[in-house]
Amino acid sequence: MFRSQTSGRAKNDKLPEAVQFAREVAEYINSRYKPVSVQVYCEVVEDFSNIYWYSDYKDLATIENFRARLRLDQGYWAMVFKGIEYFVERSFRETLMSTT
């Protein structure tokens, strides 16, 4: 089992827009890329501007297949380029974890 975590820091004056954008990205992926399921989380203590997308995968092949399809999805990229303005530049981080 693998878990992917992508995080980004919202600009202070754009937090509501960044949260809405994060939800829209998750809904877009969830409606088009079954069995992938993305959930959105926000920090509630310390740094409220951090937004996280989490998704679980059964194996590396599922991750590779999903990412290959996503790279070619023009609708997804149009959404990303529109929403990137809500986040601090270079604040995105991606982590891939596995169960032990």
PDB file of N, CA and C in Angstrom:
ATOM      1  N   MET A   1       0.854  -1.174   0.000  1.00  0.00           N
ATOM      2  CA  MET A   1       0.000   0.000   0.000  1.00  0.00           C
ATOM      3  C   MET A   1       0.893   1.228   0.000  1.00  0.00           C
ATOM      4  N   PHE A   2       0.522   2.200  -0.792  1.00  0.00           N
ATOM      5  CA  PHE A   2       1.262   3.445  -0.899  1.00  0.00           C
ATOM      6  C   PHE A   2       0.328   4.629  -0.648  1.00  0.00           C
ATOM      7  N   ARG A   3       0.885   5.668  -0.064  1.00  0.00           N
ATOM      8  CA  ARG A   3       0.131   6.904   0.152  1.00  0.00           C
ATOM      9  C   ARG A   3       0.942   8.058  -0.429  1.00  0.00           C
ATOM     10  N   SER A   4       0.259   8.876  -1.197  1.00  0.00           N
ATOM     11  CA  SER A   4       0.860  10.074  -1.769  1.00  0.00           C
ATOM     12  C   SER A   4       0.345  11.279  -1.014  1.00  0.00           C
ATOM     13  N   GLN A   5       1.276  12.163  -0.671  1.00  0.00           N
ATOM     14  CA  GLN A   5       0.914  13.423  -0.036  1.00  0.00           C
ATOM     15  C   GLN A   5       1.508  14.555  -0.854  1.00  0.00           C
ATOM     16  N   THR A   6       0.655  15.452  -1.308  1.00  0.00           N
ATOM     17  CA  THR A   6       1.104  16.667  -1.979  1.00  0.00           C
ATOM     18  C   THR A   6       0.630  17.827  -1.119  1.00  0.00           C
ATOM     19  N   SER A   7       1.542  18.757  -0.866  1.00  0.00           N
ATOM     20  CA  SER A   7       1.160  19.895  -0.037  1.00  0.00           C
ATOM     21  C   SER A   7       1.630  21.186  -0.680  1.00  0.00           C
ATOM     22  N   GLY A   8       0.924  22.244  -0.344  1.00  0.00           N
ATOM     23  CA  GLY A   8       1.286  23.574  -0.792  1.00  0.00           C
ATOM     24  C   GLY A   8       0.839  24.585   0.244  1.00  0.00           C
ATOM     25  N   ARG A   9       1.523  25.702   0.283  1.00  0.00           N
ATOM     26  CA  ARG A   9       1.206  26.758   1.243  1.00  0.00           C
ATOM     27  C   ARG A   9       0.436  27.857   0.523  1.00  0.00           C
ATOM     28  N   ALA A  10      -0.774  28.112   0.991  1.00  0.00           N
ATOM     29  CA  ALA A  10      -1.597  29.166   0.400  1.00  0.00           C
ATOM     30  C   ALA A  10      -1.048  30.538   0.761  1.00  0.00           C
ATOM     31  N   LYS A  11      -1.180  31.472  -0.162  1.00  0.00           N
ATOM     32  CA  LYS A  11      -0.852  32.857   0.159  1.00  0.00           C
ATOM     33  C   LYS A  11      -1.838  33.332   1.223  1.00  0.00           C
ATOM     34  N   ASN A  12      -1.368  34.143   2.150  1.00  0.00           N
ATOM     35  CA  ASN A  12      -2.200  34.575   3.279  1.00  0.00           C
ATOM     36  C   ASN A  12      -3.523  35.192   2.848  1.00  0.00           C
ATOM     37  N   ASP A  13      -3.508  35.986   1.810  1.00  0.00           N
ATOM     38  CA  ASP A  13      -4.734  36.659   1.382  1.00  0.00           C
ATOM     39  C   ASP A  13      -5.560  35.825   0.407  1.00  0.00           C
ATOM     40  N   LYS A  14      -5.126  34.595   0.138  1.00  0.00           N
ATOM     41  CA  LYS A  14      -5.815  33.743  -0.837  1.00  0.00           C
ATOM     42  C   LYS A  14      -6.234  32.390  -0.250  1.00  0.00           C
ATOM     43  N   LEU A  15      -6.260  32.276   1.063  1.00  0.00           N
ATOM     44  CA  LEU A  15      -6.567  30.988   1.686  1.00  0.00           C
ATOM     45  C   LEU A  15      -7.929  30.429   1.276  1.00  0.00           C
ATOM     46  N   PRO A  16      -9.018  31.182   1.324  1.00  0.00           N
ATOM     47  CA  PRO A  16     -10.309  30.610   0.913  1.00  0.00           C
ATOM     48  C   PRO A  16     -10.294  30.124  -0.547  1.00  0.00           C
ATOM     49  N   GLU A  17      -9.655  30.898  -1.416  1.00  0.00           N
ATOM     50  CA  GLU A  17      -9.575  30.508  -2.824  1.00  0.00           C
ATOM     51  C   GLU A  17      -8.724  29.258  -2.998  1.00  0.00           C
ATOM     52  N   ALA A  18      -7.638  29.157  -2.230  1.00  0.00           N
ATOM     53  CA  ALA A  18      -6.762  27.993  -2.315  1.00  0.00           C
ATOM     54  C   ALA A  18      -7.471  26.729  -1.837  1.00  0.00           C
ATOM     55  N   VAL A  19      -8.243  26.846  -0.763  1.00  0.00           N
ATOM     56  CA  VAL A  19      -9.002  25.688  -0.259  1.00  0.00           C
ATOM     57  C   VAL A  19     -10.040  25.256  -1.290  1.00  0.00           C
ATOM     58  N   GLN A  20     -10.746  26.188  -1.869  1.00  0.00           N
ATOM     59  CA  GLN A  20     -11.730  25.863  -2.898  1.00  0.00           C
ATOM     60  C   GLN A  20     -11.053  25.201  -4.102  1.00  0.00           C
ATOM     61  N   PHE A  21      -9.933  25.734  -4.514  1.00  0.00           N
ATOM     62  CA  PHE A  21      -9.174  25.153  -5.613  1.00  0.00           C
ATOM     63  C   PHE A  21      -8.762  23.716  -5.287  1.00  0.00           C
ATOM     64  N   ALA A  22      -8.267  23.490  -4.070  1.00  0.00           N
ATOM     65  CA  ALA A  22      -7.852  22.145  -3.659  1.00  0.00           C
ATOM     66  C   ALA A  22      -9.019  21.160  -3.752  1.00  0.00           C
ATOM     67  N   ARG A  23     -10.183  21.587  -3.323  1.00  0.00           N
ATOM     68  CA  ARG A  23     -11.375  20.734  -3.411  1.00  0.00           C
ATOM     69  C   ARG A  23     -11.743  20.444  -4.863  1.00  0.00           C
ATOM     70  N   GLU A  24     -11.641  21.463  -5.718  1.00  0.00           N
ATOM     71  CA  GLU A  24     -11.974  21.285  -7.133  1.00  0.00           C
ATOM     72  C   GLU A  24     -11.015  20.307  -7.814  1.00  0.00           C
ATOM     73  N   VAL A  25      -9.738  20.389  -7.485  1.00  0.00           N
ATOM     74  CA  VAL A  25      -8.764  19.443  -8.043  1.00  0.00           C
ATOM     75  C   VAL A  25      -9.106  18.027  -7.603  1.00  0.00           C
ATOM     76  N   ALA A  26      -9.390  17.842  -6.322  1.00  0.00           N
ATOM     77  CA  ALA A  26      -9.742  16.514  -5.822  1.00  0.00           C
ATOM     78  C   ALA A  26     -11.002  15.986  -6.500  1.00  0.00           C
ATOM     79  N   GLU A  27     -12.023  16.816  -6.630  1.00  0.00           N
ATOM     80  CA  GLU A  27     -13.262  16.393  -7.285  1.00  0.00           C
ATOM     81  C   GLU A  27     -13.013  16.027  -8.750  1.00  0.00           C
ATOM     82  N   TYR A  28     -12.190  16.798  -9.422  1.00  0.00           N
ATOM     83  CA  TYR A  28     -11.866  16.524 -10.822  1.00  0.00           C
ATOM     84  C   TYR A  28     -11.203  15.153 -10.955  1.00  0.00           C
ATOM     85  N   ILE A  29     -10.199  14.916 -10.137  1.00  0.00           N
ATOM     86  CA  ILE A  29      -9.493  13.627 -10.190  1.00  0.00           C
ATOM     87  C   ILE A  29     -10.421  12.491  -9.788  1.00  0.00           C
ATOM     88  N   ASN A  30     -11.169  12.660  -8.724  1.00  0.00           N
ATOM     89  CA  ASN A  30     -12.051  11.594  -8.240  1.00  0.00           C
ATOM     90  C   ASN A  30     -13.128  11.227  -9.249  1.00  0.00           C
ATOM     91  N   SER A  31     -13.550  12.179 -10.061  1.00  0.00           N
ATOM     92  CA  SER A  31     -14.604  11.888 -11.032  1.00  0.00           C
ATOM     93  C   SER A  31     -14.071  11.270 -12.325  1.00  0.00           C
ATOM     94  N   ARG A  32     -12.763  11.326 -12.549  1.00  0.00           N
ATOM     95  CA  ARG A  32     -12.212  10.873 -13.823  1.00  0.00           C
ATOM     96  C   ARG A  32     -11.205   9.734 -13.725  1.00  0.00           C
ATOM     97  N   TYR A  33     -10.706   9.446 -12.546  1.00  0.00           N
ATOM     98  CA  TYR A  33      -9.588   8.510 -12.422  1.00  0.00           C
ATOM     99  C   TYR A  33      -9.834   7.410 -11.398  1.00  0.00           C
ATOM    100  N   LYS A  34     -10.968   6.764 -11.480  1.00  0.00           N
ATOM    101  CA  LYS A  34     -11.247   5.645 -10.586  1.00  0.00           C
ATOM    102  C   LYS A  34     -10.176   4.587 -10.804  1.00  0.00           C
ATOM    103  N   PRO A  35      -9.691   3.902  -9.791  1.00  0.00           N
ATOM    104  CA  PRO A  35     -10.090   3.899  -8.389  1.00  0.00           C
ATOM    105  C   PRO A  35      -9.344   4.930  -7.540  1.00  0.00           C
ATOM    106  N   VAL A  36      -8.619   5.847  -8.152  1.00  0.00           N
ATOM    107  CA  VAL A  36      -7.905   6.864  -7.383  1.00  0.00           C
ATOM    108  C   VAL A  36      -8.918   7.740  -6.647  1.00  0.00           C
ATOM    109  N   SER A  37      -8.615   8.004  -5.399  1.00  0.00           N
ATOM    110  CA  SER A  37      -9.464   8.857  -4.577  1.00  0.00           C
ATOM    111  C   SER A  37      -8.572   9.836  -3.837  1.00  0.00           C
ATOM    112  N   VAL A  38      -8.808  11.126  -4.039  1.00  0.00           N
ATOM    113  CA  VAL A  38      -8.007  12.170  -3.420  1.00  0.00           C
ATOM    114  C   VAL A  38      -8.848  12.867  -2.353  1.00  0.00           C
ATOM    115  N   GLN A  39      -8.247  13.060  -1.191  1.00  0.00           N
ATOM    116  CA  GLN A  39      -8.898  13.796  -0.109  1.00  0.00           C
ATOM    117  C   GLN A  39      -8.070  15.041   0.186  1.00  0.00           C
ATOM    118  N   VAL A  40      -8.742  16.102   0.617  1.00  0.00           N
ATOM    119  CA  VAL A  40      -8.087  17.373   0.928  1.00  0.00           C
ATOM    120  C   VAL A  40      -8.134  17.602   2.437  1.00  0.00           C
ATOM    121  N   TYR A  41      -6.998  18.016   2.978  1.00  0.00           N
ATOM    122  CA  TYR A  41      -6.900  18.342   4.402  1.00  0.00           C
ATOM    123  C   TYR A  41      -6.217  19.695   4.564  1.00  0.00           C
ATOM    124  N   CYS A  42      -6.572  20.393   5.621  1.00  0.00           N
ATOM    125  CA  CYS A  42      -5.926  21.652   5.985  1.00  0.00           C
ATOM    126  C   CYS A  42      -5.462  21.545   7.428  1.00  0.00           C
ATOM    127  N   GLU A  43      -4.346  22.173   7.715  1.00  0.00           N
ATOM    128  CA  GLU A  43      -3.862  22.183   9.097  1.00  0.00           C
ATOM    129  C   GLU A  43      -4.810  23.010   9.954  1.00  0.00           C
ATOM    130  N   VAL A  44      -5.024  22.569  11.182  1.00  0.00           N
ATOM    131  CA  VAL A  44      -5.906  23.292  12.090  1.00  0.00           C
ATOM    132  C   VAL A  44      -5.158  23.842  13.302  1.00  0.00           C
ATOM    133  N   VAL A  45      -3.885  23.511  13.407  1.00  0.00           N
ATOM    134  CA  VAL A  45      -3.044  24.028  14.477  1.00  0.00           C
ATOM    135  C   VAL A  45      -1.744  24.496  13.830  1.00  0.00           C
ATOM    136  N   GLU A  46      -1.181  25.547  14.346  1.00  0.00           N
ATOM    137  CA  GLU A  46       0.082  26.099  13.853  1.00  0.00           C
ATOM    138  C   GLU A  46      -0.100  26.877  12.560  1.00  0.00           C
ATOM    139  N   ASP A  47       0.119  26.225  11.409  1.00  0.00           N
ATOM    140  CA  ASP A  47       0.145  26.946  10.133  1.00  0.00           C
ATOM    141  C   ASP A  47      -1.106  26.624   9.317  1.00  0.00           C
ATOM    142  N   PHE A  48      -2.091  27.479   9.403  1.00  0.00           N
ATOM    143  CA  PHE A  48      -3.368  27.244   8.747  1.00  0.00           C
ATOM    144  C   PHE A  48      -3.284  27.298   7.233  1.00  0.00           C
ATOM    145  N   SER A  49      -2.189  27.810   6.694  1.00  0.00           N
ATOM    146  CA  SER A  49      -2.108  27.997   5.249  1.00  0.00           C
ATOM    147  C   SER A  49      -1.636  26.756   4.498  1.00  0.00           C
ATOM    148  N   ASN A  50      -1.260  25.697   5.204  1.00  0.00           N
ATOM    149  CA  ASN A  50      -0.832  24.467   4.535  1.00  0.00           C
ATOM    150  C   ASN A  50      -2.037  23.625   4.138  1.00  0.00           C
ATOM    151  N   ILE A  51      -2.056  23.246   2.870  1.00  0.00           N
ATOM    152  CA  ILE A  51      -3.137  22.431   2.317  1.00  0.00           C
ATOM    153  C   ILE A  51      -2.524  21.146   1.785  1.00  0.00           C
ATOM    154  N   TYR A  52      -3.202  20.027   2.037  1.00  0.00           N
ATOM    155  CA  TYR A  52      -2.678  18.714   1.668  1.00  0.00           C
ATOM    156  C   TYR A  52      -3.681  17.950   0.809  1.00  0.00           C
ATOM    157  N   TRP A  53      -3.166  17.251  -0.173  1.00  0.00           N
ATOM    158  CA  TRP A  53      -3.934  16.284  -0.952  1.00  0.00           C
ATOM    159  C   TRP A  53      -3.354  14.908  -0.633  1.00  0.00           C
ATOM    160  N   TYR A  54      -4.215  13.977  -0.228  1.00  0.00           N
ATOM    161  CA  TYR A  54      -3.792  12.606   0.058  1.00  0.00           C
ATOM    162  C   TYR A  54      -4.510  11.645  -0.867  1.00  0.00           C
ATOM    163  N   SER A  55      -3.780  10.617  -1.295  1.00  0.00           N
ATOM    164  CA  SER A  55      -4.398   9.534  -2.058  1.00  0.00           C
ATOM    165  C   SER A  55      -3.653   8.242  -1.762  1.00  0.00           C
ATOM    166  N   ASP A  56      -4.396   7.137  -1.768  1.00  0.00           N
ATOM    167  CA  ASP A  56      -3.839   5.811  -1.486  1.00  0.00           C
ATOM    168  C   ASP A  56      -3.870   4.958  -2.745  1.00  0.00           C
ATOM    169  N   TYR A  57      -2.857   4.104  -2.871  1.00  0.00           N
ATOM    170  CA  TYR A  57      -2.717   3.236  -4.043  1.00  0.00           C
ATOM    171  C   TYR A  57      -2.324   1.843  -3.580  1.00  0.00           C
ATOM    172  N   LYS A  58      -2.804   0.844  -4.298  1.00  0.00           N
ATOM    173  CA  LYS A  58      -2.499  -0.533  -3.903  1.00  0.00           C
ATOM    174  C   LYS A  58      -1.084  -0.946  -4.289  1.00  0.00           C
ATOM    175  N   ASP A  59      -0.537  -0.343  -5.369  1.00  0.00           N
ATOM    176  CA  ASP A  59       0.808  -0.714  -5.812  1.00  0.00           C
ATOM    177  C   ASP A  59       1.412   0.390  -6.681  1.00  0.00           C
ATOM    178  N   LEU A  60       2.693   0.249  -6.989  1.00  0.00           N
ATOM    179  CA  LEU A  60       3.383   1.265  -7.785  1.00  0.00           C
ATOM    180  C   LEU A  60       2.843   1.347  -9.211  1.00  0.00           C
ATOM    181  N   ALA A  61       2.400   0.242  -9.760  1.00  0.00           N
ATOM    182  CA  ALA A  61       1.855   0.249 -11.118  1.00  0.00           C
ATOM    183  C   ALA A  61       0.620   1.150 -11.212  1.00  0.00           C
ATOM    184  N   THR A  62      -0.209   1.146 -10.187  1.00  0.00           N
ATOM    185  CA  THR A  62      -1.395   2.011 -10.157  1.00  0.00           C
ATOM    186  C   THR A  62      -0.981   3.479 -10.141  1.00  0.00           C
ATOM    187  N   ILE A  63       0.040   3.795  -9.356  1.00  0.00           N
ATOM    188  CA  ILE A  63       0.532   5.177  -9.297  1.00  0.00           C
ATOM    189  C   ILE A  63       1.074   5.601 -10.652  1.00  0.00           C
ATOM    190  N   GLU A  64       1.899   4.762 -11.263  1.00  0.00           N
ATOM    191  CA  GLU A  64       2.502   5.084 -12.556  1.00  0.00           C
ATOM    192  C   GLU A  64       1.441   5.276 -13.631  1.00  0.00           C
ATOM    193  N   ASN A  65       0.446   4.412 -13.645  1.00  0.00           N
ATOM    194  CA  ASN A  65      -0.644   4.517 -14.622  1.00  0.00           C
ATOM    195  C   ASN A  65      -1.405   5.820 -14.432  1.00  0.00           C
ATOM    196  N   PHE A  66      -1.762   6.127 -13.197  1.00  0.00           N
ATOM    197  CA  PHE A  66      -2.485   7.355 -12.902  1.00  0.00           C
ATOM    198  C   PHE A  66      -1.685   8.580 -13.323  1.00  0.00           C
ATOM    199  N   ARG A  67      -0.432   8.629 -12.943  1.00  0.00           N
ATOM    200  CA  ARG A  67       0.403   9.795 -13.260  1.00  0.00           C
ATOM    201  C   ARG A  67       0.617   9.952 -14.762  1.00  0.00           C
ATOM    202  N   ALA A  68       0.763   8.858 -15.462  1.00  0.00           N
ATOM    203  CA  ALA A  68       0.927   8.932 -16.916  1.00  0.00           C
ATOM    204  C   ALA A  68      -0.315   9.526 -17.570  1.00  0.00           C
ATOM    205  N   ARG A  69      -1.481   9.095 -17.129  1.00  0.00           N
ATOM    206  CA  ARG A  69      -2.737   9.636 -17.667  1.00  0.00           C
ATOM    207  C   ARG A  69      -2.919  11.103 -17.297  1.00  0.00           C
ATOM    208  N   LEU A  70      -2.573  11.451 -16.055  1.00  0.00           N
ATOM    209  CA  LEU A  70      -2.738  12.822 -15.578  1.00  0.00           C
ATOM    210  C   LEU A  70      -1.827  13.789 -16.342  1.00  0.00           C
ATOM    211  N   ARG A  71      -0.608  13.344 -16.651  1.00  0.00           N
ATOM    212  CA  ARG A  71       0.320  14.203 -17.398  1.00  0.00           C
ATOM    213  C   ARG A  71      -0.246  14.639 -18.743  1.00  0.00           C
ATOM    214  N   LEU A  72      -1.124  13.834 -19.322  1.00  0.00           N
ATOM    215  CA  LEU A  72      -1.693  14.121 -20.643  1.00  0.00           C
ATOM    216  C   LEU A  72      -3.047  14.814 -20.578  1.00  0.00           C
ATOM    217  N   ASP A  73      -3.552  15.042 -19.389  1.00  0.00           N
ATOM    218  CA  ASP A  73      -4.896  15.589 -19.200  1.00  0.00           C
ATOM    219  C   ASP A  73      -4.861  17.122 -19.266  1.00  0.00           C
ATOM    220  N   GLN A  74      -5.235  17.669 -20.396  1.00  0.00           N
ATOM    221  CA  GLN A  74      -5.190  19.119 -20.589  1.00  0.00           C
ATOM    222  C   GLN A  74      -6.152  19.864 -19.669  1.00  0.00           C
ATOM    223  N   GLY A  75      -7.291  19.275 -19.356  1.00  0.00           N
ATOM    224  CA  GLY A  75      -8.236  19.902 -18.436  1.00  0.00           C
ATOM    225  C   GLY A  75      -7.646  20.046 -17.041  1.00  0.00           C
ATOM    226  N   TYR A  76      -6.937  19.030 -16.608  1.00  0.00           N
ATOM    227  CA  TYR A  76      -6.276  19.079 -15.304  1.00  0.00           C
ATOM    228  C   TYR A  76      -5.232  20.194 -15.276  1.00  0.00           C
ATOM    229  N   TRP A  77      -4.392  20.254 -16.306  1.00  0.00           N
ATOM    230  CA  TRP A  77      -3.322  21.258 -16.338  1.00  0.00           C
ATOM    231  C   TRP A  77      -3.877  22.670 -16.457  1.00  0.00           C
ATOM    232  N   ALA A  78      -4.952  22.842 -17.175  1.00  0.00           N
ATOM    233  CA  ALA A  78      -5.576  24.168 -17.252  1.00  0.00           C
ATOM    234  C   ALA A  78      -6.039  24.597 -15.860  1.00  0.00           C
ATOM    235  N   MET A  79      -6.598  23.659 -15.107  1.00  0.00           N
ATOM    236  CA  MET A  79      -7.049  23.943 -13.745  1.00  0.00           C
ATOM    237  C   MET A  79      -5.859  24.299 -12.852  1.00  0.00           C
ATOM    238  N   VAL A  80      -4.789  23.528 -12.959  1.00  0.00           N
ATOM    239  CA  VAL A  80      -3.600  23.760 -12.131  1.00  0.00           C
ATOM    240  C   VAL A  80      -3.005  25.139 -12.414  1.00  0.00           C
ATOM    241  N   PHE A  81      -2.839  25.474 -13.682  1.00  0.00           N
ATOM    242  CA  PHE A  81      -2.230  26.759 -14.021  1.00  0.00           C
ATOM    243  C   PHE A  81      -3.099  27.942 -13.591  1.00  0.00           C
ATOM    244  N   LYS A  82      -4.393  27.735 -13.555  1.00  0.00           N
ATOM    245  CA  LYS A  82      -5.296  28.793 -13.081  1.00  0.00           C
ATOM    246  C   LYS A  82      -5.199  28.952 -11.563  1.00  0.00           C
ATOM    247  N   GLY A  83      -5.087  27.850 -10.848  1.00  0.00           N
ATOM    248  CA  GLY A  83      -5.110  27.889  -9.385  1.00  0.00           C
ATOM    249  C   GLY A  83      -3.769  28.134  -8.719  1.00  0.00           C
ATOM    250  N   ILE A  84      -2.695  28.033  -9.473  1.00  0.00           N
ATOM    251  CA  ILE A  84      -1.363  28.175  -8.879  1.00  0.00           C
ATOM    252  C   ILE A  84      -1.159  29.554  -8.266  1.00  0.00           C
ATOM    253  N   GLU A  85      -1.899  30.541  -8.730  1.00  0.00           N
ATOM    254  CA  GLU A  85      -1.759  31.909  -8.213  1.00  0.00           C
ATOM    255  C   GLU A  85      -2.150  32.032  -6.740  1.00  0.00           C
ATOM    256  N   TYR A  86      -2.854  31.036  -6.207  1.00  0.00           N
ATOM    257  CA  TYR A  86      -3.302  31.086  -4.815  1.00  0.00           C
ATOM    258  C   TYR A  86      -2.242  30.593  -3.834  1.00  0.00           C
ATOM    259  N   PHE A  87      -1.122  30.098  -4.346  1.00  0.00           N
ATOM    260  CA  PHE A  87      -0.116  29.454  -3.506  1.00  0.00           C
ATOM    261  C   PHE A  87       1.218  30.192  -3.547  1.00  0.00           C
ATOM    262  N   VAL A  88       1.967  30.056  -2.463  1.00  0.00           N
ATOM    263  CA  VAL A  88       3.302  30.629  -2.377  1.00  0.00           C
ATOM    264  C   VAL A  88       4.197  29.887  -3.369  1.00  0.00           C
ATOM    265  N   GLU A  89       4.949  30.641  -4.126  1.00  0.00           N
ATOM    266  CA  GLU A  89       5.832  30.053  -5.127  1.00  0.00           C
ATOM    267  C   GLU A  89       6.815  29.076  -4.484  1.00  0.00           C
ATOM    268  N   ARG A  90       6.987  27.945  -5.115  1.00  0.00           N
ATOM    269  CA  ARG A  90       7.920  26.892  -4.690  1.00  0.00           C
ATOM    270  C   ARG A  90       7.574  26.277  -3.331  1.00  0.00           C
ATOM    271  N   SER A  91       6.318  26.348  -2.942  1.00  0.00           N
ATOM    272  CA  SER A  91       5.925  25.780  -1.646  1.00  0.00           C
ATOM    273  C   SER A  91       5.387  24.362  -1.779  1.00  0.00           C
ATOM    274  N   PHE A  92       5.224  23.868  -2.988  1.00  0.00           N
ATOM    275  CA  PHE A  92       4.663  22.530  -3.168  1.00  0.00           C
ATOM    276  C   PHE A  92       5.705  21.464  -2.860  1.00  0.00           C
ATOM    277  N   ARG A  93       5.217  20.419  -2.238  1.00  0.00           N
ATOM    278  CA  ARG A  93       6.078  19.280  -1.891  1.00  0.00           C
ATOM    279  C   ARG A  93       5.272  18.010  -2.108  1.00  0.00           C
ATOM    280  N   GLU A  94       5.924  17.011  -2.658  1.00  0.00           N
ATOM    281  CA  GLU A  94       5.258  15.730  -2.873  1.00  0.00           C
ATOM    282  C   GLU A  94       6.042  14.643  -2.155  1.00  0.00           C
ATOM    283  N   THR A  95       5.308  13.797  -1.439  1.00  0.00           N
ATOM    284  CA  THR A  95       5.912  12.700  -0.685  1.00  0.00           C
ATOM    285  C   THR A  95       5.161  11.419  -1.017  1.00  0.00           C
ATOM    286  N   LEU A  96       5.900  10.344  -1.238  1.00  0.00           N
ATOM    287  CA  LEU A  96       5.296   9.038  -1.477  1.00  0.00           C
ATOM    288  C   LEU A  96       5.779   8.112  -0.359  1.00  0.00           C
ATOM    289  N   MET A  97       4.811   7.510   0.350  1.00  0.00           N
ATOM    290  CA  MET A  97       5.118   6.660   1.496  1.00  0.00           C
ATOM    291  C   MET A  97       4.582   5.262   1.240  1.00  0.00           C
ATOM    292  N   SER A  98       5.183   4.281   1.909  1.00  0.00           N
ATOM    293  CA  SER A  98       4.666   2.919   1.816  1.00  0.00           C
ATOM    294  C   SER A  98       4.438   2.357   3.222  1.00  0.00           C
ATOM    295  N   THR A  99       3.548   1.388   3.286  1.00  0.00           N
ATOM    296  CA  THR A  99       3.313   0.727   4.565  1.00  0.00           C
ATOM    297  C   THR A  99       4.528  -0.154   4.885  1.00  0.00           C
ATOM    298  N   THR A 100       4.703  -0.419   6.147  1.00  0.00           N
ATOM    299  CA  THR A 100       5.854  -1.224   6.547  1.00  0.00           C
ATOM    300  C   THR A 100       5.431  -2.606   6.946  1.00  0.00           C
TER     301      THR A 100
END
